[in-house]
Amino acid sequence: MKYKVHRFEINMDKDQQKLEDFLNNLKGEVVSIIPNNQNLGLPQVMGLARRIDFLLIVEKAN
């Protein structure tokens, strides 16, 4: 079994269609989607707000 890890840059407010298109064009099975939370400033550091700047998408290759 082989796996591929894709890094997908995303703006959560406006890239839903872009993510959907990316996932539909993958050849293998999506095993996991891991968000990367970026902490920017005091509210984010205190855990009151978060921003996802990219996703790691693990694909099982055929």
PDB file of N, CA and C in Angstrom:
ATOM      1  N   MET A   1       0.833  -1.176   0.000  1.00  0.00           N
ATOM      2  CA  MET A   1       0.000   0.000   0.000  1.00  0.00           C
ATOM      3  C   MET A   1       0.887   1.251   0.000  1.00  0.00           C
ATOM      4  N   LYS A   2       0.534   2.194  -0.814  1.00  0.00           N
ATOM      5  CA  LYS A   2       1.261   3.459  -0.865  1.00  0.00           C
ATOM      6  C   LYS A   2       0.301   4.593  -0.560  1.00  0.00           C
ATOM      7  N   TYR A   3       0.839   5.627   0.060  1.00  0.00           N
ATOM      8  CA  TYR A   3       0.053   6.800   0.415  1.00  0.00           C
ATOM      9  C   TYR A   3       0.719   8.040  -0.148  1.00  0.00           C
ATOM     10  N   LYS A   4      -0.090   9.022  -0.482  1.00  0.00           N
ATOM     11  CA  LYS A   4       0.395  10.334  -0.904  1.00  0.00           C
ATOM     12  C   LYS A   4      -0.182  11.365   0.052  1.00  0.00           C
ATOM     13  N   VAL A   5       0.625  12.367   0.386  1.00  0.00           N
ATOM     14  CA  VAL A   5       0.151  13.454   1.238  1.00  0.00           C
ATOM     15  C   VAL A   5       0.184  14.723   0.403  1.00  0.00           C
ATOM     16  N   HIS A   6      -0.963  15.374   0.298  1.00  0.00           N
ATOM     17  CA  HIS A   6      -1.092  16.614  -0.468  1.00  0.00           C
ATOM     18  C   HIS A   6      -1.265  17.775   0.495  1.00  0.00           C
ATOM     19  N   ARG A   7      -0.604  18.885   0.218  1.00  0.00           N
ATOM     20  CA  ARG A   7      -0.801  20.111   0.988  1.00  0.00           C
ATOM     21  C   ARG A   7      -1.735  21.003   0.173  1.00  0.00           C
ATOM     22  N   PHE A   8      -2.847  21.399   0.782  1.00  0.00           N
ATOM     23  CA  PHE A   8      -3.857  22.185   0.083  1.00  0.00           C
ATOM     24  C   PHE A   8      -4.027  23.521   0.796  1.00  0.00           C
ATOM     25  N   GLU A   9      -3.521  24.598   0.180  1.00  0.00           N
ATOM     26  CA  GLU A   9      -3.673  25.950   0.735  1.00  0.00           C
ATOM     27  C   GLU A   9      -5.140  26.343   0.625  1.00  0.00           C
ATOM     28  N   ILE A  10      -5.693  26.918   1.703  1.00  0.00           N
ATOM     29  CA  ILE A  10      -7.126  27.183   1.696  1.00  0.00           C
ATOM     30  C   ILE A  10      -7.464  28.454   2.460  1.00  0.00           C
ATOM     31  N   ASN A  11      -8.461  29.140   1.946  1.00  0.00           N
ATOM     32  CA  ASN A  11      -9.118  30.232   2.665  1.00  0.00           C
ATOM     33  C   ASN A  11     -10.515  29.694   2.957  1.00  0.00           C
ATOM     34  N   MET A  12     -10.787  29.409   4.215  1.00  0.00           N
ATOM     35  CA  MET A  12     -12.026  28.717   4.584  1.00  0.00           C
ATOM     36  C   MET A  12     -13.286  29.496   4.228  1.00  0.00           C
ATOM     37  N   ASP A  13     -13.163  30.799   4.022  1.00  0.00           N
ATOM     38  CA  ASP A  13     -14.336  31.601   3.703  1.00  0.00           C
ATOM     39  C   ASP A  13     -14.774  31.482   2.253  1.00  0.00           C
ATOM     40  N   LYS A  14     -13.839  31.155   1.343  1.00  0.00           N
ATOM     41  CA  LYS A  14     -14.219  31.210  -0.068  1.00  0.00           C
ATOM     42  C   LYS A  14     -13.718  30.061  -0.943  1.00  0.00           C
ATOM     43  N   ASP A  15     -13.039  29.068  -0.385  1.00  0.00           N
ATOM     44  CA  ASP A  15     -12.446  28.014  -1.206  1.00  0.00           C
ATOM     45  C   ASP A  15     -13.164  26.667  -1.134  1.00  0.00           C
ATOM     46  N   GLN A  16     -14.426  26.659  -0.760  1.00  0.00           N
ATOM     47  CA  GLN A  16     -15.152  25.394  -0.654  1.00  0.00           C
ATOM     48  C   GLN A  16     -15.215  24.683  -2.009  1.00  0.00           C
ATOM     49  N   GLN A  17     -15.535  25.393  -3.059  1.00  0.00           N
ATOM     50  CA  GLN A  17     -15.641  24.773  -4.384  1.00  0.00           C
ATOM     51  C   GLN A  17     -14.278  24.280  -4.867  1.00  0.00           C
ATOM     52  N   LYS A  18     -13.230  25.041  -4.583  1.00  0.00           N
ATOM     53  CA  LYS A  18     -11.869  24.648  -4.960  1.00  0.00           C
ATOM     54  C   LYS A  18     -11.487  23.332  -4.269  1.00  0.00           C
ATOM     55  N   LEU A  19     -11.824  23.201  -2.983  1.00  0.00           N
ATOM     56  CA  LEU A  19     -11.539  21.966  -2.247  1.00  0.00           C
ATOM     57  C   LEU A  19     -12.353  20.807  -2.800  1.00  0.00           C
ATOM     58  N   GLU A  20     -13.609  21.043  -3.083  1.00  0.00           N
ATOM     59  CA  GLU A  20     -14.467  19.991  -3.633  1.00  0.00           C
ATOM     60  C   GLU A  20     -13.922  19.490  -4.967  1.00  0.00           C
ATOM     61  N   ASP A  21     -13.512  20.398  -5.831  1.00  0.00           N
ATOM     62  CA  ASP A  21     -12.942  20.008  -7.126  1.00  0.00           C
ATOM     63  C   ASP A  21     -11.658  19.198  -6.941  1.00  0.00           C
ATOM     64  N   PHE A  22     -10.802  19.634  -6.004  1.00  0.00           N
ATOM     65  CA  PHE A  22      -9.548  18.921  -5.747  1.00  0.00           C
ATOM     66  C   PHE A  22      -9.826  17.489  -5.286  1.00  0.00           C
ATOM     67  N   LEU A  23     -10.741  17.338  -4.330  1.00  0.00           N
ATOM     68  CA  LEU A  23     -11.051  16.007  -3.803  1.00  0.00           C
ATOM     69  C   LEU A  23     -11.665  15.108  -4.865  1.00  0.00           C
ATOM     70  N   ASN A  24     -12.525  15.655  -5.701  1.00  0.00           N
ATOM     71  CA  ASN A  24     -13.158  14.853  -6.755  1.00  0.00           C
ATOM     72  C   ASN A  24     -12.180  14.427  -7.841  1.00  0.00           C
ATOM     73  N   ASN A  25     -11.064  15.130  -7.982  1.00  0.00           N
ATOM     74  CA  ASN A  25     -10.082  14.785  -9.010  1.00  0.00           C
ATOM     75  C   ASN A  25      -8.985  13.850  -8.520  1.00  0.00           C
ATOM     76  N   LEU A  26      -8.999  13.470  -7.250  1.00  0.00           N
ATOM     77  CA  LEU A  26      -8.008  12.521  -6.754  1.00  0.00           C
ATOM     78  C   LEU A  26      -8.295  11.136  -7.314  1.00  0.00           C
ATOM     79  N   LYS A  27      -7.251  10.389  -7.597  1.00  0.00           N
ATOM     80  CA  LYS A  27      -7.405   9.046  -8.175  1.00  0.00           C
ATOM     81  C   LYS A  27      -7.670   7.995  -7.107  1.00  0.00           C
ATOM     82  N   GLY A  28      -7.069   8.151  -5.920  1.00  0.00           N
ATOM     83  CA  GLY A  28      -7.201   7.153  -4.863  1.00  0.00           C
ATOM     84  C   GLY A  28      -8.271   7.522  -3.855  1.00  0.00           C
ATOM     85  N   GLU A  29      -8.243   6.813  -2.733  1.00  0.00           N
ATOM     86  CA  GLU A  29      -9.207   7.000  -1.653  1.00  0.00           C
ATOM     87  C   GLU A  29      -8.648   7.981  -0.625  1.00  0.00           C
ATOM     88  N   VAL A  30      -9.460   8.949  -0.201  1.00  0.00           N
ATOM     89  CA  VAL A  30      -9.044   9.893   0.834  1.00  0.00           C
ATOM     90  C   VAL A  30      -9.124   9.177   2.179  1.00  0.00           C
ATOM     91  N   VAL A  31      -7.985   9.140   2.876  1.00  0.00           N
ATOM     92  CA  VAL A  31      -7.908   8.465   4.159  1.00  0.00           C
ATOM     93  C   VAL A  31      -8.144   9.452   5.297  1.00  0.00           C
ATOM     94  N   SER A  32      -7.590  10.658   5.156  1.00  0.00           N
ATOM     95  CA  SER A  32      -7.693  11.633   6.238  1.00  0.00           C
ATOM     96  C   SER A  32      -7.491  13.042   5.694  1.00  0.00           C
ATOM     97  N   ILE A  33      -8.128  14.008   6.369  1.00  0.00           N
ATOM     98  CA  ILE A  33      -7.911  15.422   6.092  1.00  0.00           C
ATOM     99  C   ILE A  33      -7.530  16.065   7.420  1.00  0.00           C
ATOM    100  N   ILE A  34      -6.332  16.653   7.460  1.00  0.00           N
ATOM    101  CA  ILE A  34      -5.791  17.209   8.695  1.00  0.00           C
ATOM    102  C   ILE A  34      -5.647  18.713   8.536  1.00  0.00           C
ATOM    103  N   PRO A  35      -6.389  19.498   9.306  1.00  0.00           N
ATOM    104  CA  PRO A  35      -6.271  20.964   9.213  1.00  0.00           C
ATOM    105  C   PRO A  35      -5.064  21.464   9.998  1.00  0.00           C
ATOM    106  N   ASN A  36      -4.425  22.514   9.505  1.00  0.00           N
ATOM    107  CA  ASN A  36      -3.354  23.187  10.228  1.00  0.00           C
ATOM    108  C   ASN A  36      -3.910  24.509  10.746  1.00  0.00           C
ATOM    109  N   ASN A  37      -4.009  24.641  12.056  1.00  0.00           N
ATOM    110  CA  ASN A  37      -4.511  25.864  12.672  1.00  0.00           C
ATOM    111  C   ASN A  37      -3.369  26.846  12.853  1.00  0.00           C
ATOM    112  N   GLN A  38      -3.558  28.032  12.326  1.00  0.00           N
ATOM    113  CA  GLN A  38      -2.550  29.071  12.448  1.00  0.00           C
ATOM    114  C   GLN A  38      -2.991  30.032  13.548  1.00  0.00           C
ATOM    115  N   ASN A  39      -2.124  30.272  14.520  1.00  0.00           N
ATOM    116  CA  ASN A  39      -2.421  31.209  15.585  1.00  0.00           C
ATOM    117  C   ASN A  39      -1.861  32.581  15.223  1.00  0.00           C
ATOM    118  N   LEU A  40      -2.736  33.575  15.191  1.00  0.00           N
ATOM    119  CA  LEU A  40      -2.342  34.941  14.828  1.00  0.00           C
ATOM    120  C   LEU A  40      -2.860  35.911  15.880  1.00  0.00           C
ATOM    121  N   GLY A  41      -2.062  36.368  16.737  1.00  0.00           N
ATOM    122  CA  GLY A  41      -2.507  37.381  17.686  1.00  0.00           C
ATOM    123  C   GLY A  41      -3.090  36.798  18.953  1.00  0.00           C
ATOM    124  N   LEU A  42      -3.414  37.677  19.868  1.00  0.00           N
ATOM    125  CA  LEU A  42      -3.851  37.290  21.203  1.00  0.00           C
ATOM    126  C   LEU A  42      -5.129  36.454  21.232  1.00  0.00           C
ATOM    127  N   PRO A  43      -6.213  36.802  20.502  1.00  0.00           N
ATOM    128  CA  PRO A  43      -7.418  35.949  20.558  1.00  0.00           C
ATOM    129  C   PRO A  43      -7.153  34.519  20.074  1.00  0.00           C
ATOM    130  N   GLN A  44      -6.323  34.372  19.050  1.00  0.00           N
ATOM    131  CA  GLN A  44      -6.019  33.048  18.528  1.00  0.00           C
ATOM    132  C   GLN A  44      -5.137  32.265  19.500  1.00  0.00           C
ATOM    133  N   VAL A  45      -4.159  32.947  20.105  1.00  0.00           N
ATOM    134  CA  VAL A  45      -3.267  32.280  21.044  1.00  0.00           C
ATOM    135  C   VAL A  45      -4.048  31.800  22.265  1.00  0.00           C
ATOM    136  N   MET A  46      -5.027  32.583  22.715  1.00  0.00           N
ATOM    137  CA  MET A  46      -5.831  32.216  23.882  1.00  0.00           C
ATOM    138  C   MET A  46      -6.889  31.164  23.537  1.00  0.00           C
ATOM    139  N   GLY A  47      -7.015  30.805  22.267  1.00  0.00           N
ATOM    140  CA  GLY A  47      -7.961  29.782  21.860  1.00  0.00           C
ATOM    141  C   GLY A  47      -9.353  30.303  21.584  1.00  0.00           C
ATOM    142  N   LEU A  48      -9.524  31.608  21.502  1.00  0.00           N
ATOM    143  CA  LEU A  48     -10.845  32.183  21.244  1.00  0.00           C
ATOM    144  C   LEU A  48     -11.188  32.186  19.761  1.00  0.00           C
ATOM    145  N   ALA A  49     -10.178  32.163  18.925  1.00  0.00           N
ATOM    146  CA  ALA A  49     -10.403  32.170  17.481  1.00  0.00           C
ATOM    147  C   ALA A  49      -9.281  31.388  16.810  1.00  0.00           C
ATOM    148  N   ARG A  50      -9.600  30.763  15.701  1.00  0.00           N
ATOM    149  CA  ARG A  50      -8.605  29.998  14.948  1.00  0.00           C
ATOM    150  C   ARG A  50      -8.773  30.277  13.464  1.00  0.00           C
ATOM    151  N   ARG A  51      -7.704  30.072  12.749  1.00  0.00           N
ATOM    152  CA  ARG A  51      -7.745  30.208  11.304  1.00  0.00           C
ATOM    153  C   ARG A  51      -7.000  29.029  10.700  1.00  0.00           C
ATOM    154  N   ILE A  52      -7.629  28.340   9.776  1.00  0.00           N
ATOM    155  CA  ILE A  52      -6.991  27.223   9.088  1.00  0.00           C
ATOM    156  C   ILE A  52      -6.348  27.776   7.824  1.00  0.00           C
ATOM    157  N   ASP A  53      -5.030  27.589   7.701  1.00  0.00           N
ATOM    158  CA  ASP A  53      -4.339  28.120   6.536  1.00  0.00           C
ATOM    159  C   ASP A  53      -4.033  27.067   5.476  1.00  0.00           C
ATOM    160  N   PHE A  54      -3.954  25.782   5.872  1.00  0.00           N
ATOM    161  CA  PHE A  54      -3.826  24.727   4.871  1.00  0.00           C
ATOM    162  C   PHE A  54      -4.318  23.412   5.450  1.00  0.00           C
ATOM    163  N   LEU A  55      -4.588  22.476   4.539  1.00  0.00           N
ATOM    164  CA  LEU A  55      -5.008  21.128   4.899  1.00  0.00           C
ATOM    165  C   LEU A  55      -3.976  20.140   4.384  1.00  0.00           C
ATOM    166  N   LEU A  56      -3.720  19.099   5.157  1.00  0.00           N
ATOM    167  CA  LEU A  56      -2.962  17.972   4.656  1.00  0.00           C
ATOM    168  C   LEU A  56      -3.978  16.879   4.327  1.00  0.00           C
ATOM    169  N   ILE A  57      -3.944  16.412   3.103  1.00  0.00           N
ATOM    170  CA  ILE A  57      -4.907  15.408   2.646  1.00  0.00           C
ATOM    171  C   ILE A  57      -4.120  14.128   2.352  1.00  0.00           C
ATOM    172  N   VAL A  58      -4.453  13.064   3.074  1.00  0.00           N
ATOM    173  CA  VAL A  58      -3.773  11.766   2.901  1.00  0.00           C
ATOM    174  C   VAL A  58      -4.613  10.916   1.952  1.00  0.00           C
ATOM    175  N   GLU A  59      -3.968  10.467   0.887  1.00  0.00           N
ATOM    176  CA  GLU A  59      -4.649   9.677  -0.144  1.00  0.00           C
ATOM    177  C   GLU A  59      -4.002   8.305  -0.240  1.00  0.00           C
ATOM    178  N   LYS A  60      -4.820   7.254  -0.247  1.00  0.00           N
ATOM    179  CA  LYS A  60      -4.312   5.916  -0.486  1.00  0.00           C
ATOM    180  C   LYS A  60      -4.227   5.715  -1.995  1.00  0.00           C
ATOM    181  N   ALA A  61      -3.011   5.519  -2.488  1.00  0.00           N
ATOM    182  CA  ALA A  61      -2.801   5.390  -3.927  1.00  0.00           C
ATOM    183  C   ALA A  61      -3.155   3.966  -4.378  1.00  0.00           C
ATOM    184  N   ASN A  62      -3.712   3.878  -5.577  1.00  0.00           N
ATOM    185  CA  ASN A  62      -4.070   2.567  -6.134  1.00  0.00           C
ATOM    186  C   ASN A  62      -2.861   1.881  -6.705  1.00  0.00           C
TER     187      ASN A  62
END
